[in-house]
């Protein structure tokens, strides 16, 4: 099992290098920066690969108060997103995706593309 996980991780690292995406690898976690140029903000996804599942998570902000407006935004985001789910845990607003790996490079590209498609929704949170 470990051999396959290492293989997917190696493939992803090679893909990131090929696309000239700067990333940081710590243990089995990869983090990188995405610049949302239209709305002028950055997000910092981090990913892990475990049991043939690519998990990506992005902490967005601290939430002091949960109100109806925020709940509506969460529902709206979750309906529009193909991969990600917006959640609140321990007063942290974050998005996460857990996807079975078929083609790690294609999956990564589609997930990042989905983040750019959700730029307006992310900016409005």
C-alpha atoms as a PDB file:
ATOM      1  CA  UNK A   1       0.000   0.000   0.000  1.00  0.00           C
ATOM      2  CA  UNK A   2       2.776   2.446   0.911  1.00  0.00           C
ATOM      3  CA  UNK A   3       4.349   1.956  -2.493  1.00  0.00           C
ATOM      4  CA  UNK A   4       1.213   3.212  -4.265  1.00  0.00           C
ATOM      5  CA  UNK A   5       0.907   6.226  -1.994  1.00  0.00           C
ATOM      6  CA  UNK A   6       4.523   7.144  -2.620  1.00  0.00           C
ATOM      7  CA  UNK A   7       3.963   6.738  -6.344  1.00  0.00           C
ATOM      8  CA  UNK A   8       0.962   9.106  -6.360  1.00  0.00           C
ATOM      9  CA  UNK A   9       2.870  11.602  -4.243  1.00  0.00           C
ATOM     10  CA  UNK A  10       5.869  11.415  -6.567  1.00  0.00           C
ATOM     11  CA  UNK A  11       3.610  11.884  -9.611  1.00  0.00           C
ATOM     12  CA  UNK A  12       1.988  14.921  -8.023  1.00  0.00           C
ATOM     13  CA  UNK A  13       5.342  16.482  -7.119  1.00  0.00           C
ATOM     14  CA  UNK A  14       6.588  15.949 -10.676  1.00  0.00           C
ATOM     15  CA  UNK A  15       3.357  17.518 -12.006  1.00  0.00           C
ATOM     16  CA  UNK A  16       3.713  20.556  -9.735  1.00  0.00           C
ATOM     17  CA  UNK A  17       7.323  21.027 -10.837  1.00  0.00           C
ATOM     18  CA  UNK A  18       6.328  20.735 -14.499  1.00  0.00           C
ATOM     19  CA  UNK A  19       3.617  23.400 -14.029  1.00  0.00           C
ATOM     20  CA  UNK A  20       6.160  25.548 -12.161  1.00  0.00           C
ATOM     21  CA  UNK A  21       3.995  25.674  -9.054  1.00  0.00           C
ATOM     22  CA  UNK A  22       6.014  26.554  -5.983  1.00  0.00           C
ATOM     23  CA  UNK A  23       5.136  24.245  -3.145  1.00  0.00           C
ATOM     24  CA  UNK A  24       6.373  23.157   0.242  1.00  0.00           C
ATOM     25  CA  UNK A  25       6.520  19.494   1.238  1.00  0.00           C
ATOM     26  CA  UNK A  26       6.559  18.639   4.919  1.00  0.00           C
ATOM     27  CA  UNK A  27       6.357  14.941   5.704  1.00  0.00           C
ATOM     28  CA  UNK A  28       3.389  13.770   3.592  1.00  0.00           C
ATOM     29  CA  UNK A  29       1.738  17.209   3.293  1.00  0.00           C
ATOM     30  CA  UNK A  30       2.114  19.525   0.304  1.00  0.00           C
ATOM     31  CA  UNK A  31       1.112  23.175   0.542  1.00  0.00           C
ATOM     32  CA  UNK A  32       1.104  25.888  -2.088  1.00  0.00           C
ATOM     33  CA  UNK A  33      -0.317  29.329  -2.859  1.00  0.00           C
ATOM     34  CA  UNK A  34      -3.071  30.204  -5.318  1.00  0.00           C
ATOM     35  CA  UNK A  35      -3.500  33.811  -6.387  1.00  0.00           C
ATOM     36  CA  UNK A  36      -7.061  34.754  -7.261  1.00  0.00           C
ATOM     37  CA  UNK A  37      -6.263  37.546  -9.662  1.00  0.00           C
ATOM     38  CA  UNK A  38      -9.802  38.749 -10.426  1.00  0.00           C
ATOM     39  CA  UNK A  39     -10.625  39.467  -6.789  1.00  0.00           C
ATOM     40  CA  UNK A  40      -7.043  40.067  -5.659  1.00  0.00           C
ATOM     41  CA  UNK A  41      -6.632  37.597  -2.794  1.00  0.00           C
ATOM     42  CA  UNK A  42      -4.632  34.460  -2.073  1.00  0.00           C
ATOM     43  CA  UNK A  43      -5.513  31.083  -0.631  1.00  0.00           C
ATOM     44  CA  UNK A  44      -3.176  28.450   0.721  1.00  0.00           C
ATOM     45  CA  UNK A  45      -4.302  24.879   0.039  1.00  0.00           C
ATOM     46  CA  UNK A  46      -2.597  21.920   1.616  1.00  0.00           C
ATOM     47  CA  UNK A  47      -2.919  18.336   0.442  1.00  0.00           C
ATOM     48  CA  UNK A  48      -2.303  14.834   1.671  1.00  0.00           C
ATOM     49  CA  UNK A  49      -2.577  11.454  -0.016  1.00  0.00           C
ATOM     50  CA  UNK A  50      -3.773   8.542   2.075  1.00  0.00           C
ATOM     51  CA  UNK A  51      -5.288   5.210   1.009  1.00  0.00           C
ATOM     52  CA  UNK A  52      -5.665   6.348  -2.618  1.00  0.00           C
ATOM     53  CA  UNK A  53      -7.541   9.499  -1.554  1.00  0.00           C
ATOM     54  CA  UNK A  54      -6.356  13.031  -2.303  1.00  0.00           C
ATOM     55  CA  UNK A  55      -7.440  15.374   0.485  1.00  0.00           C
ATOM     56  CA  UNK A  56      -7.197  19.115   0.004  1.00  0.00           C
ATOM     57  CA  UNK A  57      -8.032  21.633   2.702  1.00  0.00           C
ATOM     58  CA  UNK A  58      -7.984  25.435   2.822  1.00  0.00           C
ATOM     59  CA  UNK A  59      -8.489  27.405   6.022  1.00  0.00           C
ATOM     60  CA  UNK A  60     -10.312  30.605   5.100  1.00  0.00           C
ATOM     61  CA  UNK A  61     -11.048  32.640   8.205  1.00  0.00           C
ATOM     62  CA  UNK A  62     -11.976  32.704  11.841  1.00  0.00           C
ATOM     63  CA  UNK A  63     -15.697  32.871  12.548  1.00  0.00           C
ATOM     64  CA  UNK A  64     -16.808  34.544  15.749  1.00  0.00           C
ATOM     65  CA  UNK A  65     -20.516  34.444  15.078  1.00  0.00           C
ATOM     66  CA  UNK A  66     -22.564  32.062  12.946  1.00  0.00           C
ATOM     67  CA  UNK A  67     -25.617  33.792  11.512  1.00  0.00           C
ATOM     68  CA  UNK A  68     -28.230  33.125   8.825  1.00  0.00           C
ATOM     69  CA  UNK A  69     -26.267  35.047   6.201  1.00  0.00           C
ATOM     70  CA  UNK A  70     -23.208  32.866   6.721  1.00  0.00           C
ATOM     71  CA  UNK A  71     -25.317  29.702   6.669  1.00  0.00           C
ATOM     72  CA  UNK A  72     -26.849  30.774   3.353  1.00  0.00           C
ATOM     73  CA  UNK A  73     -23.392  31.457   1.901  1.00  0.00           C
ATOM     74  CA  UNK A  74     -22.217  28.038   3.048  1.00  0.00           C
ATOM     75  CA  UNK A  75     -25.184  26.324   1.407  1.00  0.00           C
ATOM     76  CA  UNK A  76     -24.756  28.347  -1.777  1.00  0.00           C
ATOM     77  CA  UNK A  77     -21.055  27.500  -1.969  1.00  0.00           C
ATOM     78  CA  UNK A  78     -21.670  23.799  -1.366  1.00  0.00           C
ATOM     79  CA  UNK A  79     -24.286  23.672  -4.114  1.00  0.00           C
ATOM     80  CA  UNK A  80     -21.918  25.272  -6.648  1.00  0.00           C
ATOM     81  CA  UNK A  81     -18.761  23.366  -5.795  1.00  0.00           C
ATOM     82  CA  UNK A  82     -17.889  20.188  -7.691  1.00  0.00           C
ATOM     83  CA  UNK A  83     -15.263  18.962  -5.232  1.00  0.00           C
ATOM     84  CA  UNK A  84     -15.195  21.093  -2.093  1.00  0.00           C
ATOM     85  CA  UNK A  85     -17.391  21.372   0.961  1.00  0.00           C
ATOM     86  CA  UNK A  86     -17.434  24.530   3.056  1.00  0.00           C
ATOM     87  CA  UNK A  87     -17.489  23.834   6.794  1.00  0.00           C
ATOM     88  CA  UNK A  88     -17.015  25.437  10.188  1.00  0.00           C
ATOM     89  CA  UNK A  89     -15.163  23.651  12.969  1.00  0.00           C
ATOM     90  CA  UNK A  90     -13.722  25.207  16.124  1.00  0.00           C
ATOM     91  CA  UNK A  91     -14.681  28.661  14.795  1.00  0.00           C
ATOM     92  CA  UNK A  92     -12.586  28.161  11.631  1.00  0.00           C
ATOM     93  CA  UNK A  93     -14.236  28.457   8.223  1.00  0.00           C
ATOM     94  CA  UNK A  94     -12.571  26.074   5.794  1.00  0.00           C
ATOM     95  CA  UNK A  95     -13.138  24.117   2.618  1.00  0.00           C
ATOM     96  CA  UNK A  96     -12.115  20.544   2.057  1.00  0.00           C
ATOM     97  CA  UNK A  97     -12.256  17.877  -0.596  1.00  0.00           C
ATOM     98  CA  UNK A  98     -11.563  14.158  -0.350  1.00  0.00           C
ATOM     99  CA  UNK A  99     -11.395  12.471  -3.736  1.00  0.00           C
ATOM    100  CA  UNK A 100     -10.476   8.964  -4.813  1.00  0.00           C
ATOM    101  CA  UNK A 101      -7.406   9.038  -7.020  1.00  0.00           C
ATOM    102  CA  UNK A 102      -7.653   7.739 -10.545  1.00  0.00           C
ATOM    103  CA  UNK A 103      -5.273  10.102 -12.343  1.00  0.00           C
ATOM    104  CA  UNK A 104      -3.585  12.266  -9.699  1.00  0.00           C
ATOM    105  CA  UNK A 105      -2.512  14.981 -12.142  1.00  0.00           C
ATOM    106  CA  UNK A 106      -5.917  15.343 -13.768  1.00  0.00           C
ATOM    107  CA  UNK A 107      -7.639  15.308 -10.388  1.00  0.00           C
ATOM    108  CA  UNK A 108      -5.338  18.023  -9.040  1.00  0.00           C
ATOM    109  CA  UNK A 109      -5.902  20.206 -12.120  1.00  0.00           C
ATOM    110  CA  UNK A 110      -9.677  19.821 -11.912  1.00  0.00           C
ATOM    111  CA  UNK A 111      -9.726  20.651  -8.215  1.00  0.00           C
ATOM    112  CA  UNK A 112      -7.660  23.800  -8.729  1.00  0.00           C
ATOM    113  CA  UNK A 113      -9.832  24.770 -11.692  1.00  0.00           C
ATOM    114  CA  UNK A 114     -12.885  24.392  -9.443  1.00  0.00           C
ATOM    115  CA  UNK A 115     -11.305  26.751  -6.907  1.00  0.00           C
ATOM    116  CA  UNK A 116     -10.866  29.401  -9.589  1.00  0.00           C
ATOM    117  CA  UNK A 117     -14.486  28.889 -10.680  1.00  0.00           C
ATOM    118  CA  UNK A 118     -15.521  29.580  -7.078  1.00  0.00           C
ATOM    119  CA  UNK A 119     -13.447  32.744  -6.761  1.00  0.00           C
ATOM    120  CA  UNK A 120     -16.468  35.049  -6.357  1.00  0.00           C
ATOM    121  CA  UNK A 121     -18.022  32.796  -3.727  1.00  0.00           C
ATOM    122  CA  UNK A 122     -14.745  32.558  -1.814  1.00  0.00           C
ATOM    123  CA  UNK A 123     -14.342  36.313  -1.902  1.00  0.00           C
ATOM    124  CA  UNK A 124     -17.853  36.840  -0.519  1.00  0.00           C
ATOM    125  CA  UNK A 125     -17.296  34.689   2.579  1.00  0.00           C
END
